[in-house]
Amino acid sequence: MQALGECDNPQFWPMVELALTSTMRRGSLLKLAWSNVDLDAREAHVWAKGAEVTLPLSRRAVTLLRHLPD
C-alpha cells in the first residue's frame, strides 16, 4: 500500500482498486474501453476465457471509473 501511495502515476492506484473491486484480471482491465462500460447499468463487458462476459460493477468501481479521464 505504501509503495502504491508513492507511485507518481495518478491512474495506477485507481486501476489497482478497480481490479480489487471488480475482480477483473490484468488483461481484461488493461483492454477495457469506455465503449464496453455502462456506468448507469453498473456493468462492464469484457473478454474473458474465450467469450465476452458481463461483469457487474460495484458502486465503488463506478465511482473510480467516473473520476478517470475518458
N, C-alpha and C. Protein backbone atom coordinates (compact mmCIF):
# COMPACT_ATOMS: atom_id res chain seq x y z
N MET A 1 0.83 -1.19 0.00
CA MET A 1 0.00 0.00 0.00
C MET A 1 0.88 1.25 0.00
N GLN A 2 1.95 1.23 0.78
CA GLN A 2 2.82 2.39 0.84
C GLN A 2 3.48 2.63 -0.52
N ALA A 3 3.95 1.57 -1.17
CA ALA A 3 4.60 1.72 -2.48
C ALA A 3 3.61 2.27 -3.50
N LEU A 4 2.36 1.80 -3.46
CA LEU A 4 1.36 2.33 -4.38
C LEU A 4 1.09 3.81 -4.12
N GLY A 5 1.10 4.17 -2.86
CA GLY A 5 0.88 5.56 -2.50
C GLY A 5 1.99 6.48 -2.98
N GLU A 6 3.18 5.92 -3.17
CA GLU A 6 4.33 6.71 -3.62
C GLU A 6 4.48 6.71 -5.14
N CYS A 7 3.64 5.98 -5.83
CA CYS A 7 3.72 5.91 -7.30
C CYS A 7 3.37 7.28 -7.88
N ASP A 8 4.14 7.71 -8.88
CA ASP A 8 3.90 9.03 -9.46
C ASP A 8 2.85 9.01 -10.58
N ASN A 9 2.31 7.85 -10.91
CA ASN A 9 1.25 7.75 -11.91
C ASN A 9 -0.10 7.84 -11.20
N PRO A 10 -0.85 8.93 -11.38
CA PRO A 10 -2.10 9.11 -10.64
C PRO A 10 -3.19 8.10 -11.01
N GLN A 11 -3.03 7.38 -12.11
CA GLN A 11 -4.05 6.40 -12.50
C GLN A 11 -3.73 5.00 -12.01
N PHE A 12 -2.56 4.80 -11.43
CA PHE A 12 -2.18 3.45 -11.02
C PHE A 12 -3.01 2.94 -9.86
N TRP A 13 -3.12 3.73 -8.79
CA TRP A 13 -3.88 3.26 -7.63
C TRP A 13 -5.36 3.03 -7.98
N PRO A 14 -6.03 3.93 -8.71
CA PRO A 14 -7.41 3.62 -9.09
C PRO A 14 -7.53 2.33 -9.89
N MET A 15 -6.53 2.03 -10.74
CA MET A 15 -6.58 0.79 -11.51
C MET A 15 -6.45 -0.43 -10.60
N VAL A 16 -5.58 -0.34 -9.61
CA VAL A 16 -5.43 -1.45 -8.66
C VAL A 16 -6.71 -1.62 -7.86
N GLU A 17 -7.27 -0.52 -7.39
CA GLU A 17 -8.52 -0.61 -6.62
C GLU A 17 -9.66 -1.14 -7.49
N LEU A 18 -9.70 -0.73 -8.75
CA LEU A 18 -10.72 -1.24 -9.66
C LEU A 18 -10.56 -2.75 -9.86
N ALA A 19 -9.34 -3.20 -9.99
CA ALA A 19 -9.09 -4.64 -10.12
C ALA A 19 -9.60 -5.39 -8.89
N LEU A 20 -9.37 -4.84 -7.73
CA LEU A 20 -9.81 -5.49 -6.49
C LEU A 20 -11.33 -5.48 -6.34
N THR A 21 -11.97 -4.38 -6.72
CA THR A 21 -13.41 -4.27 -6.52
C THR A 21 -14.22 -4.93 -7.62
N SER A 22 -13.61 -5.11 -8.80
CA SER A 22 -14.37 -5.67 -9.92
C SER A 22 -14.03 -7.13 -10.22
N THR A 23 -12.97 -7.63 -9.64
CA THR A 23 -12.45 -8.99 -9.89
C THR A 23 -11.94 -9.17 -11.31
N MET A 24 -11.73 -8.06 -12.04
CA MET A 24 -11.17 -8.17 -13.39
C MET A 24 -9.70 -8.55 -13.29
N ARG A 25 -9.29 -9.38 -14.20
CA ARG A 25 -7.87 -9.73 -14.28
C ARG A 25 -7.14 -8.65 -15.07
N ARG A 26 -5.83 -8.69 -14.99
CA ARG A 26 -4.99 -7.66 -15.60
C ARG A 26 -5.31 -7.46 -17.08
N GLY A 27 -5.38 -8.54 -17.85
CA GLY A 27 -5.63 -8.42 -19.28
C GLY A 27 -6.96 -7.76 -19.58
N SER A 28 -8.00 -8.18 -18.89
CA SER A 28 -9.33 -7.59 -19.11
C SER A 28 -9.34 -6.13 -18.70
N LEU A 29 -8.69 -5.82 -17.61
CA LEU A 29 -8.66 -4.45 -17.11
C LEU A 29 -7.91 -3.53 -18.07
N LEU A 30 -6.78 -3.99 -18.57
CA LEU A 30 -5.97 -3.16 -19.47
C LEU A 30 -6.62 -2.99 -20.84
N LYS A 31 -7.46 -3.93 -21.25
CA LYS A 31 -8.15 -3.83 -22.54
C LYS A 31 -9.51 -3.15 -22.43
N LEU A 32 -9.92 -2.82 -21.24
CA LEU A 32 -11.24 -2.22 -21.04
C LEU A 32 -11.32 -0.87 -21.75
N ALA A 33 -12.38 -0.68 -22.51
CA ALA A 33 -12.61 0.58 -23.23
C ALA A 33 -13.92 1.18 -22.75
N TRP A 34 -14.02 2.50 -22.86
CA TRP A 34 -15.26 3.16 -22.43
C TRP A 34 -16.47 2.61 -23.17
N SER A 35 -16.29 2.18 -24.40
CA SER A 35 -17.41 1.64 -25.17
C SER A 35 -17.94 0.32 -24.59
N ASN A 36 -17.17 -0.29 -23.70
CA ASN A 36 -17.58 -1.55 -23.08
C ASN A 36 -18.08 -1.37 -21.65
N VAL A 37 -18.25 -0.13 -21.24
CA VAL A 37 -18.66 0.16 -19.86
C VAL A 37 -19.99 0.90 -19.88
N ASP A 38 -20.92 0.44 -19.05
CA ASP A 38 -22.20 1.13 -18.88
C ASP A 38 -22.29 1.51 -17.40
N LEU A 39 -21.94 2.76 -17.11
CA LEU A 39 -21.92 3.19 -15.72
C LEU A 39 -23.32 3.25 -15.12
N ASP A 40 -24.33 3.60 -15.92
CA ASP A 40 -25.70 3.66 -15.41
C ASP A 40 -26.21 2.28 -15.04
N ALA A 41 -25.89 1.29 -15.85
CA ALA A 41 -26.31 -0.09 -15.56
C ALA A 41 -25.34 -0.78 -14.60
N ARG A 42 -24.22 -0.11 -14.33
CA ARG A 42 -23.17 -0.65 -13.45
C ARG A 42 -22.67 -2.02 -13.94
N GLU A 43 -22.22 -2.03 -15.20
CA GLU A 43 -21.67 -3.27 -15.74
C GLU A 43 -20.60 -2.97 -16.78
N ALA A 44 -19.71 -3.94 -16.95
CA ALA A 44 -18.65 -3.86 -17.95
C ALA A 44 -18.68 -5.14 -18.77
N HIS A 45 -18.46 -4.99 -20.06
CA HIS A 45 -18.42 -6.13 -20.95
C HIS A 45 -16.96 -6.37 -21.32
N VAL A 46 -16.44 -7.52 -20.89
CA VAL A 46 -15.03 -7.83 -21.11
C VAL A 46 -14.88 -9.20 -21.74
N TRP A 47 -13.74 -9.39 -22.38
CA TRP A 47 -13.41 -10.68 -22.98
C TRP A 47 -12.68 -11.48 -21.92
N ALA A 48 -13.19 -12.64 -21.58
CA ALA A 48 -12.56 -13.49 -20.56
C ALA A 48 -12.79 -14.95 -20.89
N LYS A 49 -11.72 -15.70 -20.86
CA LYS A 49 -11.78 -17.15 -21.08
C LYS A 49 -12.46 -17.51 -22.40
N GLY A 50 -12.15 -16.76 -23.45
CA GLY A 50 -12.65 -17.09 -24.78
C GLY A 50 -14.06 -16.62 -25.10
N ALA A 51 -14.65 -15.81 -24.25
CA ALA A 51 -16.00 -15.31 -24.51
C ALA A 51 -16.18 -13.94 -23.86
N GLU A 52 -17.12 -13.19 -24.40
CA GLU A 52 -17.44 -11.91 -23.77
C GLU A 52 -18.34 -12.17 -22.58
N VAL A 53 -17.99 -11.57 -21.46
CA VAL A 53 -18.80 -11.72 -20.25
C VAL A 53 -19.19 -10.33 -19.74
N THR A 54 -20.29 -10.28 -19.05
CA THR A 54 -20.74 -9.04 -18.44
C THR A 54 -20.46 -9.12 -16.95
N LEU A 55 -19.67 -8.17 -16.48
CA LEU A 55 -19.33 -8.13 -15.06
C LEU A 55 -20.11 -7.01 -14.38
N PRO A 56 -20.73 -7.31 -13.26
CA PRO A 56 -21.38 -6.24 -12.50
C PRO A 56 -20.30 -5.36 -11.87
N LEU A 57 -20.57 -4.08 -11.79
CA LEU A 57 -19.64 -3.13 -11.18
C LEU A 57 -20.23 -2.64 -9.86
N SER A 58 -19.42 -2.66 -8.83
CA SER A 58 -19.85 -2.14 -7.54
C SER A 58 -19.99 -0.62 -7.63
N ARG A 59 -20.64 -0.05 -6.65
CA ARG A 59 -20.75 1.41 -6.62
C ARG A 59 -19.36 2.05 -6.55
N ARG A 60 -18.47 1.42 -5.80
CA ARG A 60 -17.10 1.94 -5.69
C ARG A 60 -16.40 1.89 -7.05
N ALA A 61 -16.57 0.82 -7.80
CA ALA A 61 -15.96 0.70 -9.12
C ALA A 61 -16.49 1.79 -10.04
N VAL A 62 -17.78 2.06 -9.99
CA VAL A 62 -18.38 3.12 -10.82
C VAL A 62 -17.79 4.47 -10.43
N THR A 63 -17.64 4.72 -9.15
CA THR A 63 -17.05 5.97 -8.69
C THR A 63 -15.63 6.12 -9.19
N LEU A 64 -14.85 5.06 -9.11
CA LEU A 64 -13.48 5.11 -9.61
C LEU A 64 -13.46 5.42 -11.10
N LEU A 65 -14.30 4.76 -11.86
CA LEU A 65 -14.34 4.98 -13.30
C LEU A 65 -14.80 6.39 -13.65
N ARG A 66 -15.77 6.92 -12.90
CA ARG A 66 -16.26 8.27 -13.18
C ARG A 66 -15.15 9.32 -12.99
N HIS A 67 -14.18 9.03 -12.14
CA HIS A 67 -13.12 10.00 -11.87
C HIS A 67 -11.91 9.85 -12.79
N LEU A 68 -11.95 8.89 -13.71
CA LEU A 68 -10.87 8.73 -14.68
C LEU A 68 -11.17 9.55 -15.92
N PRO A 69 -10.14 10.04 -16.58
CA PRO A 69 -10.40 10.76 -17.84
C PRO A 69 -10.89 9.80 -18.90
N ASP A 70 -11.77 10.26 -19.77
CA ASP A 70 -12.29 9.39 -20.83
C ASP A 70 -11.66 9.65 -22.16
